Amino acid sequence: MPTVQPSALHPEYSALHPDYPVRTERLLLRPLTGDDVEELFAYRSLPAVCRYVPFEPMTRDVVVQRLATQWANTGLTDEGQALTLGVEVAATGRLIGDVVLFWRSRVHRGGEIGYVVHPDAAGQGFATEAARALLALGFDQLGLHRIVARVDERNEASARLARRLGMRQEARLVRSELLKGEWSTELDFAMLADEWAAYRDGRTPARP
C-alpha cells in the first residue's frame, strides 16, 4: 500500500495537497514536468494506447501544451479539477505512465480515476499499483465518499484492472457513446469509502 496518511480535513475536507513523491512498493507518483515530454510522447502517441480513450494520439506539441495547462496542477482545491501524476519506476527512474484523479462533486464527495501505461510496462502490475495509490489519495486524503472508473467494454485489460482494485461493476451502458466513429459500450465501476477502508485494512468489504 502507498504511504499516505489520513487527512485531518476528513470528512470536512477542502483540498488535496500530497507530499511528493507518493511512494508505493515499486513506484513514485509525482507531478509531470517539462523533462517528461519525450517519455510521455513515447506512449501517448501510440494508436494502441489511445484506441479506447477520448484523446487521439498526441504530438509533442500537444504534450507540451498539456504540461502547461491540464497537467500543471499539483493538488486539488475544488470540484471540477483533475490531478494528473506521472508513474515512475523507483528502481530505474523511468516514466511508464500517468494516472488521473478527478474531483467530480464536493456536495456528493464524488471522484473518478483514470490510468494509462506504456505497453512495454503492461502486465507487471504497475497500473494496478498506481491506481491503488490514487484511491488512497481520494479516500484517505481528500475524504471522498465514492470513486468511479468508466471503461470501454472492449478494453478488457482496463476492466480487469478495476476489478483487481476491488471496484464493483455497477452498470453496462450498451452503445451509449459514439467514440471515434464507433458505438462504445461503457462499463461503470465504483468503490465506496467504507469498502476502501476494508480493502486497505485487509478485511472483506461488506457489499452494499
N, C-alpha and C. Protein backbone atom coordinates (compact mmCIF):
# COMPACT_ATOMS: atom_id res chain seq x y z
N MET A 1 0.84 -1.19 0.00
CA MET A 1 0.00 0.00 0.00
C MET A 1 0.88 1.25 0.00
N PRO A 2 0.41 2.35 -0.63
CA PRO A 2 1.18 3.58 -0.64
C PRO A 2 1.25 4.20 0.74
N THR A 3 2.29 4.96 0.98
CA THR A 3 2.46 5.61 2.26
C THR A 3 1.70 6.93 2.25
N VAL A 4 0.39 6.85 2.52
CA VAL A 4 -0.50 8.01 2.53
C VAL A 4 -1.12 8.12 3.90
N GLN A 5 -1.04 9.29 4.52
CA GLN A 5 -1.61 9.50 5.83
C GLN A 5 -3.00 10.10 5.72
N PRO A 6 -3.96 9.62 6.54
CA PRO A 6 -5.30 10.21 6.51
C PRO A 6 -5.24 11.71 6.79
N SER A 7 -6.09 12.47 6.11
CA SER A 7 -6.09 13.91 6.24
C SER A 7 -6.87 14.36 7.47
N ALA A 8 -6.35 15.38 8.15
CA ALA A 8 -7.06 15.96 9.28
C ALA A 8 -8.32 16.68 8.82
N LEU A 9 -8.44 16.95 7.53
CA LEU A 9 -9.60 17.65 6.99
C LEU A 9 -10.80 16.73 6.83
N HIS A 10 -10.61 15.43 6.84
CA HIS A 10 -11.68 14.48 6.59
C HIS A 10 -12.57 14.37 7.82
N PRO A 11 -13.94 14.39 7.71
CA PRO A 11 -14.68 14.42 6.46
C PRO A 11 -14.98 15.82 5.94
N GLU A 12 -14.68 16.87 6.73
CA GLU A 12 -14.92 18.23 6.25
C GLU A 12 -13.72 18.69 5.45
N TYR A 13 -13.43 17.97 4.38
CA TYR A 13 -12.24 18.23 3.58
C TYR A 13 -12.43 19.49 2.74
N SER A 14 -11.31 20.04 2.27
CA SER A 14 -11.41 21.19 1.39
C SER A 14 -10.36 21.19 0.30
N ALA A 15 -9.37 20.29 0.39
CA ALA A 15 -8.30 20.32 -0.60
C ALA A 15 -7.47 19.05 -0.50
N LEU A 16 -6.66 18.84 -1.53
CA LEU A 16 -5.70 17.73 -1.55
C LEU A 16 -4.36 18.27 -2.00
N HIS A 17 -3.36 18.19 -1.14
CA HIS A 17 -2.00 18.61 -1.46
C HIS A 17 -1.04 17.51 -1.00
N PRO A 18 -0.84 16.47 -1.82
CA PRO A 18 0.01 15.34 -1.40
C PRO A 18 1.45 15.77 -1.17
N ASP A 19 2.13 15.00 -0.34
CA ASP A 19 3.57 15.13 -0.19
C ASP A 19 4.22 14.27 -1.28
N TYR A 20 4.93 14.91 -2.19
CA TYR A 20 5.53 14.19 -3.33
C TYR A 20 6.97 13.82 -3.06
N PRO A 21 7.39 12.69 -3.65
CA PRO A 21 6.57 11.75 -4.41
C PRO A 21 5.73 10.87 -3.51
N VAL A 22 4.57 10.44 -4.03
CA VAL A 22 3.76 9.43 -3.35
C VAL A 22 4.41 8.09 -3.66
N ARG A 23 4.81 7.39 -2.63
CA ARG A 23 5.59 6.16 -2.81
C ARG A 23 4.72 4.92 -2.63
N THR A 24 4.89 3.97 -3.54
CA THR A 24 4.30 2.65 -3.38
C THR A 24 5.46 1.65 -3.33
N GLU A 25 5.15 0.37 -3.39
CA GLU A 25 6.20 -0.63 -3.28
C GLU A 25 7.28 -0.46 -4.34
N ARG A 26 6.87 -0.18 -5.58
CA ARG A 26 7.83 -0.10 -6.69
C ARG A 26 7.82 1.23 -7.42
N LEU A 27 6.89 2.11 -7.09
CA LEU A 27 6.66 3.29 -7.91
C LEU A 27 6.76 4.58 -7.12
N LEU A 28 6.98 5.67 -7.88
CA LEU A 28 6.87 7.03 -7.37
C LEU A 28 5.82 7.74 -8.22
N LEU A 29 4.81 8.29 -7.58
CA LEU A 29 3.82 9.11 -8.27
C LEU A 29 4.15 10.57 -7.97
N ARG A 30 4.26 11.37 -9.02
CA ARG A 30 4.69 12.75 -8.85
C ARG A 30 4.16 13.61 -9.98
N PRO A 31 4.14 14.95 -9.77
CA PRO A 31 3.69 15.84 -10.84
C PRO A 31 4.56 15.70 -12.08
N LEU A 32 3.96 15.88 -13.24
CA LEU A 32 4.68 15.85 -14.50
C LEU A 32 5.42 17.17 -14.71
N THR A 33 6.56 17.11 -15.40
CA THR A 33 7.35 18.31 -15.67
C THR A 33 7.76 18.34 -17.14
N GLY A 34 8.39 19.43 -17.51
CA GLY A 34 8.87 19.56 -18.88
C GLY A 34 9.91 18.53 -19.25
N ASP A 35 10.57 17.94 -18.27
CA ASP A 35 11.55 16.89 -18.55
C ASP A 35 10.91 15.58 -18.99
N ASP A 36 9.58 15.49 -18.87
CA ASP A 36 8.88 14.24 -19.19
C ASP A 36 8.34 14.20 -20.62
N VAL A 37 8.59 15.22 -21.42
CA VAL A 37 7.98 15.32 -22.75
C VAL A 37 8.23 14.07 -23.58
N GLU A 38 9.47 13.66 -23.70
CA GLU A 38 9.78 12.53 -24.60
C GLU A 38 9.17 11.23 -24.10
N GLU A 39 9.20 10.99 -22.80
CA GLU A 39 8.64 9.75 -22.27
C GLU A 39 7.12 9.75 -22.37
N LEU A 40 6.48 10.90 -22.16
CA LEU A 40 5.05 10.99 -22.36
C LEU A 40 4.68 10.76 -23.82
N PHE A 41 5.42 11.40 -24.70
CA PHE A 41 5.16 11.25 -26.14
C PHE A 41 5.34 9.80 -26.58
N ALA A 42 6.27 9.08 -25.96
CA ALA A 42 6.58 7.71 -26.37
C ALA A 42 5.37 6.80 -26.28
N TYR A 43 4.47 7.03 -25.31
CA TYR A 43 3.28 6.16 -25.23
C TYR A 43 1.98 6.87 -25.58
N ARG A 44 1.89 8.17 -25.34
CA ARG A 44 0.65 8.87 -25.68
C ARG A 44 0.52 9.14 -27.18
N SER A 45 1.54 8.84 -27.95
CA SER A 45 1.47 8.97 -29.41
C SER A 45 1.06 7.65 -30.07
N LEU A 46 0.92 6.58 -29.31
CA LEU A 46 0.66 5.26 -29.87
C LEU A 46 -0.84 5.04 -30.10
N PRO A 47 -1.26 4.68 -31.31
CA PRO A 47 -2.68 4.41 -31.57
C PRO A 47 -3.26 3.33 -30.66
N ALA A 48 -2.48 2.31 -30.33
CA ALA A 48 -2.99 1.23 -29.47
C ALA A 48 -3.32 1.74 -28.07
N VAL A 49 -2.54 2.69 -27.56
CA VAL A 49 -2.78 3.26 -26.24
C VAL A 49 -4.04 4.12 -26.24
N CYS A 50 -4.29 4.79 -27.35
CA CYS A 50 -5.39 5.75 -27.43
C CYS A 50 -6.69 5.16 -27.96
N ARG A 51 -6.71 3.90 -28.30
CA ARG A 51 -7.85 3.32 -29.00
C ARG A 51 -9.16 3.46 -28.24
N TYR A 52 -9.16 3.21 -26.94
CA TYR A 52 -10.40 3.17 -26.17
C TYR A 52 -10.56 4.34 -25.21
N VAL A 53 -9.83 5.43 -25.45
CA VAL A 53 -9.91 6.62 -24.60
C VAL A 53 -10.30 7.82 -25.47
N PRO A 54 -10.78 8.90 -24.86
CA PRO A 54 -11.28 10.02 -25.66
C PRO A 54 -10.23 10.75 -26.48
N PHE A 55 -8.96 10.76 -26.04
CA PHE A 55 -7.97 11.55 -26.77
C PHE A 55 -7.36 10.76 -27.92
N GLU A 56 -6.93 11.51 -28.93
CA GLU A 56 -6.25 10.94 -30.09
C GLU A 56 -4.76 10.82 -29.79
N PRO A 57 -4.03 10.03 -30.59
CA PRO A 57 -2.56 10.00 -30.43
C PRO A 57 -1.99 11.42 -30.44
N MET A 58 -1.13 11.71 -29.50
CA MET A 58 -0.66 13.08 -29.29
C MET A 58 0.66 13.35 -30.01
N THR A 59 0.80 14.57 -30.49
CA THR A 59 2.08 15.05 -30.99
C THR A 59 2.88 15.62 -29.82
N ARG A 60 4.16 15.89 -30.05
CA ARG A 60 4.97 16.52 -29.00
C ARG A 60 4.40 17.87 -28.60
N ASP A 61 3.91 18.62 -29.59
CA ASP A 61 3.36 19.94 -29.29
C ASP A 61 2.15 19.83 -28.36
N VAL A 62 1.31 18.83 -28.58
CA VAL A 62 0.15 18.65 -27.71
C VAL A 62 0.60 18.27 -26.30
N VAL A 63 1.59 17.40 -26.19
CA VAL A 63 2.12 17.02 -24.88
C VAL A 63 2.64 18.26 -24.15
N VAL A 64 3.40 19.09 -24.83
CA VAL A 64 3.94 20.31 -24.22
C VAL A 64 2.80 21.22 -23.75
N GLN A 65 1.76 21.34 -24.59
CA GLN A 65 0.63 22.19 -24.24
C GLN A 65 -0.11 21.65 -23.02
N ARG A 66 -0.28 20.34 -22.95
CA ARG A 66 -0.96 19.74 -21.81
C ARG A 66 -0.14 19.94 -20.52
N LEU A 67 1.18 19.83 -20.63
CA LEU A 67 2.02 20.04 -19.45
C LEU A 67 1.86 21.45 -18.89
N ALA A 68 1.59 22.39 -19.76
CA ALA A 68 1.45 23.78 -19.33
C ALA A 68 0.04 24.10 -18.84
N THR A 69 -0.92 23.21 -19.09
CA THR A 69 -2.32 23.50 -18.75
C THR A 69 -2.92 22.40 -17.88
N GLN A 70 -3.57 21.40 -18.52
CA GLN A 70 -4.30 20.38 -17.76
C GLN A 70 -3.44 19.60 -16.79
N TRP A 71 -2.17 19.39 -17.12
CA TRP A 71 -1.32 18.56 -16.28
C TRP A 71 -0.47 19.36 -15.31
N ALA A 72 -0.73 20.65 -15.20
CA ALA A 72 0.10 21.52 -14.37
C ALA A 72 -0.30 21.50 -12.89
N ASN A 73 -1.51 21.04 -12.57
CA ASN A 73 -1.96 21.03 -11.18
C ASN A 73 -1.10 20.09 -10.34
N THR A 74 -0.81 20.51 -9.13
CA THR A 74 -0.09 19.65 -8.17
C THR A 74 -0.98 19.29 -6.99
N GLY A 75 -2.23 19.75 -7.02
CA GLY A 75 -3.18 19.44 -5.96
C GLY A 75 -4.59 19.71 -6.44
N LEU A 76 -5.56 19.49 -5.55
CA LEU A 76 -6.96 19.75 -5.85
C LEU A 76 -7.53 20.68 -4.79
N THR A 77 -8.20 21.74 -5.25
CA THR A 77 -8.78 22.69 -4.32
C THR A 77 -10.29 22.80 -4.45
N ASP A 78 -10.88 22.23 -5.52
CA ASP A 78 -12.33 22.30 -5.67
C ASP A 78 -12.81 21.30 -6.71
N GLU A 79 -14.10 21.06 -6.71
CA GLU A 79 -14.69 20.15 -7.68
C GLU A 79 -14.47 20.67 -9.10
N GLY A 80 -14.47 19.75 -10.05
CA GLY A 80 -14.23 20.11 -11.43
C GLY A 80 -12.78 20.08 -11.83
N GLN A 81 -11.89 19.89 -10.85
CA GLN A 81 -10.46 19.85 -11.13
C GLN A 81 -9.97 18.41 -11.27
N ALA A 82 -8.80 18.26 -11.89
CA ALA A 82 -8.18 16.95 -12.07
C ALA A 82 -6.72 17.02 -11.68
N LEU A 83 -6.23 15.95 -11.08
CA LEU A 83 -4.82 15.85 -10.70
C LEU A 83 -4.20 14.70 -11.48
N THR A 84 -3.29 15.03 -12.40
CA THR A 84 -2.59 14.03 -13.20
C THR A 84 -1.18 13.86 -12.66
N LEU A 85 -0.80 12.62 -12.39
CA LEU A 85 0.51 12.33 -11.83
C LEU A 85 1.26 11.33 -12.71
N GLY A 86 2.55 11.55 -12.86
CA GLY A 86 3.38 10.60 -13.58
C GLY A 86 3.66 9.38 -12.74
N VAL A 87 3.78 8.23 -13.42
CA VAL A 87 4.09 6.96 -12.75
C VAL A 87 5.53 6.60 -13.10
N GLU A 88 6.40 6.70 -12.13
CA GLU A 88 7.83 6.46 -12.33
C GLU A 88 8.27 5.20 -11.59
N VAL A 89 9.02 4.35 -12.26
CA VAL A 89 9.57 3.17 -11.62
C VAL A 89 10.72 3.61 -10.72
N ALA A 90 10.60 3.36 -9.43
CA ALA A 90 11.59 3.87 -8.47
C ALA A 90 12.99 3.34 -8.75
N ALA A 91 13.08 2.09 -9.17
CA ALA A 91 14.40 1.47 -9.34
C ALA A 91 15.15 2.00 -10.55
N THR A 92 14.43 2.50 -11.55
CA THR A 92 15.08 2.92 -12.80
C THR A 92 14.91 4.40 -13.11
N GLY A 93 13.92 5.06 -12.50
CA GLY A 93 13.64 6.45 -12.83
C GLY A 93 12.87 6.63 -14.11
N ARG A 94 12.41 5.54 -14.72
CA ARG A 94 11.69 5.63 -15.99
C ARG A 94 10.22 5.97 -15.76
N LEU A 95 9.70 6.93 -16.54
CA LEU A 95 8.28 7.26 -16.53
C LEU A 95 7.56 6.27 -17.44
N ILE A 96 6.65 5.48 -16.87
CA ILE A 96 5.98 4.43 -17.65
C ILE A 96 4.51 4.70 -17.87
N GLY A 97 3.98 5.78 -17.31
CA GLY A 97 2.56 6.06 -17.49
C GLY A 97 2.13 7.24 -16.67
N ASP A 98 0.83 7.46 -16.64
CA ASP A 98 0.27 8.51 -15.80
C ASP A 98 -1.12 8.12 -15.35
N VAL A 99 -1.53 8.67 -14.23
CA VAL A 99 -2.84 8.40 -13.66
C VAL A 99 -3.50 9.73 -13.33
N VAL A 100 -4.83 9.72 -13.26
CA VAL A 100 -5.55 10.97 -13.01
C VAL A 100 -6.67 10.73 -12.00
N LEU A 101 -6.81 11.68 -11.07
CA LEU A 101 -7.90 11.70 -10.10
C LEU A 101 -8.74 12.94 -10.38
N PHE A 102 -10.01 12.74 -10.72
CA PHE A 102 -10.95 13.83 -10.95
C PHE A 102 -11.78 14.04 -9.68
N TRP A 103 -11.92 15.30 -9.29
CA TRP A 103 -12.84 15.65 -8.20
C TRP A 103 -14.14 16.06 -8.86
N ARG A 104 -15.13 15.17 -8.86
CA ARG A 104 -16.36 15.39 -9.60
C ARG A 104 -17.39 16.21 -8.84
N SER A 105 -17.50 16.00 -7.53
CA SER A 105 -18.54 16.70 -6.77
C SER A 105 -18.10 16.92 -5.34
N ARG A 106 -18.21 18.17 -4.88
CA ARG A 106 -17.94 18.48 -3.48
C ARG A 106 -19.10 18.02 -2.60
N VAL A 107 -20.32 18.35 -3.01
CA VAL A 107 -21.50 18.02 -2.21
C VAL A 107 -21.64 16.51 -2.03
N HIS A 108 -21.48 15.77 -3.13
CA HIS A 108 -21.66 14.32 -3.08
C HIS A 108 -20.35 13.58 -2.81
N ARG A 109 -19.28 14.32 -2.64
CA ARG A 109 -17.95 13.75 -2.33
C ARG A 109 -17.61 12.65 -3.32
N GLY A 110 -17.75 12.99 -4.61
CA GLY A 110 -17.52 12.02 -5.67
C GLY A 110 -16.26 12.29 -6.46
N GLY A 111 -15.61 11.21 -6.90
CA GLY A 111 -14.42 11.33 -7.72
C GLY A 111 -14.38 10.24 -8.78
N GLU A 112 -13.38 10.32 -9.62
CA GLU A 112 -13.19 9.35 -10.71
C GLU A 112 -11.70 9.18 -10.94
N ILE A 113 -11.30 7.97 -11.31
CA ILE A 113 -9.89 7.72 -11.63
C ILE A 113 -9.75 7.26 -13.07
N GLY A 114 -8.55 7.51 -13.62
CA GLY A 114 -8.19 7.02 -14.95
C GLY A 114 -6.71 6.67 -14.94
N TYR A 115 -6.29 5.87 -15.92
CA TYR A 115 -4.91 5.39 -15.94
C TYR A 115 -4.50 5.03 -17.35
N VAL A 116 -3.23 5.26 -17.66
CA VAL A 116 -2.66 4.88 -18.95
C VAL A 116 -1.19 4.53 -18.73
N VAL A 117 -0.76 3.42 -19.35
CA VAL A 117 0.59 2.91 -19.14
C VAL A 117 1.20 2.52 -20.48
N HIS A 118 2.51 2.73 -20.61
CA HIS A 118 3.22 2.32 -21.82
C HIS A 118 3.05 0.81 -22.01
N PRO A 119 2.75 0.35 -23.24
CA PRO A 119 2.58 -1.09 -23.47
C PRO A 119 3.76 -1.93 -23.01
N ASP A 120 4.97 -1.39 -23.08
CA ASP A 120 6.15 -2.13 -22.64
C ASP A 120 6.12 -2.45 -21.15
N ALA A 121 5.36 -1.67 -20.39
CA ALA A 121 5.29 -1.86 -18.94
C ALA A 121 4.03 -2.59 -18.51
N ALA A 122 3.20 -2.99 -19.47
CA ALA A 122 1.94 -3.67 -19.15
C ALA A 122 2.21 -5.09 -18.65
N GLY A 123 1.25 -5.62 -17.90
CA GLY A 123 1.34 -6.99 -17.44
C GLY A 123 2.23 -7.21 -16.24
N GLN A 124 2.70 -6.14 -15.61
CA GLN A 124 3.59 -6.26 -14.46
C GLN A 124 2.97 -5.73 -13.17
N GLY A 125 1.70 -5.34 -13.24
CA GLY A 125 1.02 -4.84 -12.06
C GLY A 125 1.27 -3.39 -11.74
N PHE A 126 2.00 -2.67 -12.61
CA PHE A 126 2.31 -1.27 -12.31
C PHE A 126 1.05 -0.40 -12.31
N ALA A 127 0.17 -0.59 -13.29
CA ALA A 127 -1.04 0.24 -13.37
C ALA A 127 -1.93 0.01 -12.16
N THR A 128 -2.06 -1.24 -11.73
CA THR A 128 -2.86 -1.54 -10.55
C THR A 128 -2.27 -0.87 -9.31
N GLU A 129 -0.96 -0.94 -9.17
CA GLU A 129 -0.28 -0.34 -8.02
C GLU A 129 -0.46 1.17 -8.00
N ALA A 130 -0.35 1.79 -9.18
CA ALA A 130 -0.52 3.25 -9.26
C ALA A 130 -1.96 3.66 -9.00
N ALA A 131 -2.91 2.93 -9.59
CA ALA A 131 -4.32 3.27 -9.40
C ALA A 131 -4.73 3.08 -7.94
N ARG A 132 -4.19 2.08 -7.28
CA ARG A 132 -4.49 1.88 -5.86
C ARG A 132 -4.01 3.08 -5.04
N ALA A 133 -2.87 3.63 -5.41
CA ALA A 133 -2.38 4.83 -4.72
C ALA A 133 -3.33 6.01 -4.92
N LEU A 134 -3.94 6.11 -6.11
CA LEU A 134 -4.92 7.17 -6.35
C LEU A 134 -6.14 7.01 -5.45
N LEU A 135 -6.60 5.75 -5.29
CA LEU A 135 -7.73 5.52 -4.39
C LEU A 135 -7.38 5.97 -2.98
N ALA A 136 -6.17 5.71 -2.55
CA ALA A 136 -5.74 6.15 -1.22
C ALA A 136 -5.77 7.67 -1.12
N LEU A 137 -5.29 8.35 -2.14
CA LEU A 137 -5.34 9.81 -2.13
C LEU A 137 -6.77 10.31 -2.08
N GLY A 138 -7.63 9.73 -2.91
CA GLY A 138 -9.01 10.19 -2.98
C GLY A 138 -9.79 9.93 -1.70
N PHE A 139 -9.66 8.73 -1.15
CA PHE A 139 -10.43 8.40 0.04
C PHE A 139 -9.77 8.89 1.32
N ASP A 140 -8.49 8.61 1.50
CA ASP A 140 -7.83 8.88 2.78
C ASP A 140 -7.41 10.34 2.96
N GLN A 141 -7.06 11.01 1.86
CA GLN A 141 -6.61 12.40 1.99
C GLN A 141 -7.66 13.41 1.60
N LEU A 142 -8.38 13.17 0.51
CA LEU A 142 -9.40 14.13 0.08
C LEU A 142 -10.74 13.88 0.77
N GLY A 143 -10.93 12.67 1.28
CA GLY A 143 -12.16 12.37 2.01
C GLY A 143 -13.35 12.10 1.12
N LEU A 144 -13.11 11.55 -0.07
CA LEU A 144 -14.23 11.25 -0.96
C LEU A 144 -15.07 10.10 -0.41
N HIS A 145 -16.32 10.10 -0.79
CA HIS A 145 -17.26 9.05 -0.40
C HIS A 145 -17.34 7.95 -1.44
N ARG A 146 -17.15 8.31 -2.71
CA ARG A 146 -17.36 7.35 -3.80
C ARG A 146 -16.41 7.71 -4.95
N ILE A 147 -15.74 6.72 -5.49
CA ILE A 147 -14.86 6.91 -6.64
C ILE A 147 -15.25 5.91 -7.72
N VAL A 148 -15.33 6.37 -8.96
CA VAL A 148 -15.75 5.53 -10.07
C VAL A 148 -14.64 5.42 -11.10
N ALA A 149 -14.75 4.41 -11.95
CA ALA A 149 -13.89 4.25 -13.13
C ALA A 149 -14.80 3.86 -14.28
N ARG A 150 -14.68 4.55 -15.40
CA ARG A 150 -15.52 4.28 -16.57
C ARG A 150 -14.64 3.72 -17.67
N VAL A 151 -15.02 2.55 -18.18
CA VAL A 151 -14.16 1.77 -19.07
C VAL A 151 -14.93 1.35 -20.32
N ASP A 152 -14.30 1.47 -21.48
CA ASP A 152 -14.86 0.90 -22.70
C ASP A 152 -14.82 -0.62 -22.57
N GLU A 153 -15.94 -1.27 -22.83
CA GLU A 153 -16.03 -2.72 -22.65
C GLU A 153 -14.99 -3.47 -23.46
N ARG A 154 -14.58 -2.93 -24.59
CA ARG A 154 -13.59 -3.61 -25.42
C ARG A 154 -12.19 -3.57 -24.80
N ASN A 155 -12.00 -2.67 -23.85
CA ASN A 155 -10.71 -2.55 -23.17
C ASN A 155 -10.69 -3.52 -22.00
N GLU A 156 -10.50 -4.79 -22.30
CA GLU A 156 -10.60 -5.83 -21.29
C GLU A 156 -9.53 -5.68 -20.20
N ALA A 157 -8.34 -5.24 -20.57
CA ALA A 157 -7.27 -5.07 -19.58
C ALA A 157 -7.64 -4.02 -18.55
N SER A 158 -8.26 -2.94 -18.99
CA SER A 158 -8.66 -1.87 -18.08
C SER A 158 -9.78 -2.34 -17.15
N ALA A 159 -10.71 -3.11 -17.68
CA ALA A 159 -11.79 -3.64 -16.84
C ALA A 159 -11.24 -4.61 -15.79
N ARG A 160 -10.29 -5.44 -16.19
CA ARG A 160 -9.69 -6.36 -15.22
C ARG A 160 -8.97 -5.59 -14.12
N LEU A 161 -8.33 -4.49 -14.49
CA LEU A 161 -7.63 -3.68 -13.50
C LEU A 161 -8.61 -3.14 -12.47
N ALA A 162 -9.75 -2.61 -12.92
CA ALA A 162 -10.75 -2.07 -11.99
C ALA A 162 -11.22 -3.16 -11.03
N ARG A 163 -11.40 -4.36 -11.53
CA ARG A 163 -11.84 -5.47 -10.66
C ARG A 163 -10.73 -5.83 -9.66
N ARG A 164 -9.47 -5.81 -10.10
CA ARG A 164 -8.37 -6.11 -9.18
C ARG A 164 -8.30 -5.10 -8.05
N LEU A 165 -8.70 -3.88 -8.32
CA LEU A 165 -8.71 -2.85 -7.29
C LEU A 165 -9.80 -3.08 -6.26
N GLY A 166 -10.73 -3.99 -6.55
CA GLY A 166 -11.85 -4.23 -5.66
C GLY A 166 -13.07 -3.42 -5.99
N MET A 167 -13.06 -2.76 -7.15
CA MET A 167 -14.21 -1.95 -7.55
C MET A 167 -15.32 -2.86 -8.08
N ARG A 168 -16.55 -2.45 -7.80
CA ARG A 168 -17.73 -3.21 -8.25
C ARG A 168 -18.19 -2.70 -9.61
N GLN A 169 -18.56 -3.60 -10.51
CA GLN A 169 -19.20 -3.17 -11.74
C GLN A 169 -20.67 -2.88 -11.44
N GLU A 170 -21.08 -1.64 -11.66
CA GLU A 170 -22.43 -1.22 -11.33
C GLU A 170 -23.33 -1.08 -12.56
N ALA A 171 -22.73 -0.91 -13.72
CA ALA A 171 -23.57 -0.68 -14.90
C ALA A 171 -22.85 -1.11 -16.17
N ARG A 172 -23.65 -1.45 -17.16
CA ARG A 172 -23.17 -1.70 -18.52
C ARG A 172 -24.08 -0.90 -19.45
N LEU A 173 -23.53 0.18 -19.98
CA LEU A 173 -24.30 1.10 -20.82
C LEU A 173 -24.07 0.73 -22.28
N VAL A 174 -25.02 0.05 -22.86
CA VAL A 174 -24.85 -0.53 -24.19
C VAL A 174 -24.87 0.55 -25.27
N ARG A 175 -23.78 0.58 -26.05
CA ARG A 175 -23.65 1.52 -27.16
C ARG A 175 -24.12 2.92 -26.78
N SER A 176 -23.55 3.42 -25.70
CA SER A 176 -24.02 4.68 -25.11
C SER A 176 -23.32 5.91 -25.65
N GLU A 177 -22.11 5.73 -26.22
CA GLU A 177 -21.36 6.88 -26.72
C GLU A 177 -20.76 6.56 -28.07
N LEU A 178 -20.69 7.58 -28.90
CA LEU A 178 -20.01 7.45 -30.19
C LEU A 178 -18.57 7.86 -29.98
N LEU A 179 -17.67 6.89 -30.02
CA LEU A 179 -16.25 7.12 -29.74
C LEU A 179 -15.44 6.81 -30.99
N LYS A 180 -14.88 7.86 -31.58
CA LYS A 180 -14.01 7.71 -32.74
C LYS A 180 -14.69 6.92 -33.87
N GLY A 181 -15.95 7.28 -34.09
CA GLY A 181 -16.69 6.70 -35.21
C GLY A 181 -17.34 5.36 -34.91
N GLU A 182 -17.22 4.85 -33.67
CA GLU A 182 -17.81 3.57 -33.30
C GLU A 182 -18.64 3.73 -32.03
N TRP A 183 -19.74 2.98 -31.95
CA TRP A 183 -20.53 3.00 -30.72
C TRP A 183 -19.78 2.22 -29.64
N SER A 184 -19.65 2.85 -28.49
CA SER A 184 -18.91 2.27 -27.37
C SER A 184 -19.88 1.85 -26.27
N THR A 185 -19.70 0.63 -25.76
CA THR A 185 -20.42 0.16 -24.58
C THR A 185 -19.56 0.42 -23.36
N GLU A 186 -20.11 1.14 -22.41
CA GLU A 186 -19.35 1.58 -21.23
C GLU A 186 -19.64 0.70 -20.03
N LEU A 187 -18.57 0.28 -19.34
CA LEU A 187 -18.70 -0.40 -18.06
C LEU A 187 -18.37 0.59 -16.95
N ASP A 188 -19.27 0.70 -15.98
CA ASP A 188 -19.07 1.62 -14.87
C ASP A 188 -18.75 0.84 -13.60
N PHE A 189 -17.57 1.14 -13.03
CA PHE A 189 -17.12 0.52 -11.78
C PHE A 189 -17.13 1.57 -10.68
N ALA A 190 -17.30 1.12 -9.42
CA ALA A 190 -17.32 2.07 -8.31
C ALA A 190 -16.83 1.42 -7.04
N MET A 191 -16.38 2.28 -6.12
CA MET A 191 -15.98 1.85 -4.78
C MET A 191 -16.40 2.95 -3.81
N LEU A 192 -16.89 2.52 -2.63
CA LEU A 192 -17.27 3.45 -1.57
C LEU A 192 -16.16 3.52 -0.52
N ALA A 193 -16.19 4.58 0.27
CA ALA A 193 -15.13 4.80 1.25
C ALA A 193 -15.03 3.65 2.25
N ASP A 194 -16.17 3.10 2.69
CA ASP A 194 -16.08 2.01 3.67
C ASP A 194 -15.57 0.73 3.02
N GLU A 195 -15.85 0.53 1.73
CA GLU A 195 -15.29 -0.61 1.02
C GLU A 195 -13.77 -0.46 0.90
N TRP A 196 -13.34 0.75 0.60
CA TRP A 196 -11.90 1.00 0.50
C TRP A 196 -11.22 0.75 1.85
N ALA A 197 -11.82 1.22 2.93
CA ALA A 197 -11.21 1.05 4.25
C ALA A 197 -11.04 -0.43 4.57
N ALA A 198 -12.03 -1.25 4.23
CA ALA A 198 -11.93 -2.69 4.47
C ALA A 198 -10.84 -3.29 3.61
N TYR A 199 -10.83 -2.91 2.34
CA TYR A 199 -9.83 -3.44 1.41
C TYR A 199 -8.42 -3.04 1.85
N ARG A 200 -8.26 -1.78 2.23
CA ARG A 200 -6.96 -1.26 2.67
C ARG A 200 -6.45 -2.00 3.90
N ASP A 201 -7.37 -2.36 4.80
CA ASP A 201 -7.01 -2.98 6.07
C ASP A 201 -6.99 -4.51 6.00
N GLY A 202 -7.18 -5.06 4.79
CA GLY A 202 -7.12 -6.50 4.61
C GLY A 202 -8.37 -7.24 5.02
N ARG A 203 -9.51 -6.50 5.16
CA ARG A 203 -10.77 -7.12 5.51
C ARG A 203 -11.65 -7.31 4.27
N THR A 204 -12.62 -8.19 4.35
CA THR A 204 -13.58 -8.36 3.26
C THR A 204 -14.64 -7.28 3.39
N PRO A 205 -14.80 -6.43 2.36
CA PRO A 205 -15.78 -5.36 2.48
C PRO A 205 -17.21 -5.88 2.46
N ALA A 206 -18.08 -5.21 3.22
CA ALA A 206 -19.50 -5.52 3.15
C ALA A 206 -20.08 -4.83 1.95
N ARG A 207 -20.56 -5.62 0.99
CA ARG A 207 -21.06 -5.03 -0.25
C ARG A 207 -22.44 -4.42 -0.05
N PRO A 208 -22.68 -3.23 -0.59
CA PRO A 208 -23.99 -2.59 -0.44
C PRO A 208 -25.06 -3.34 -1.23
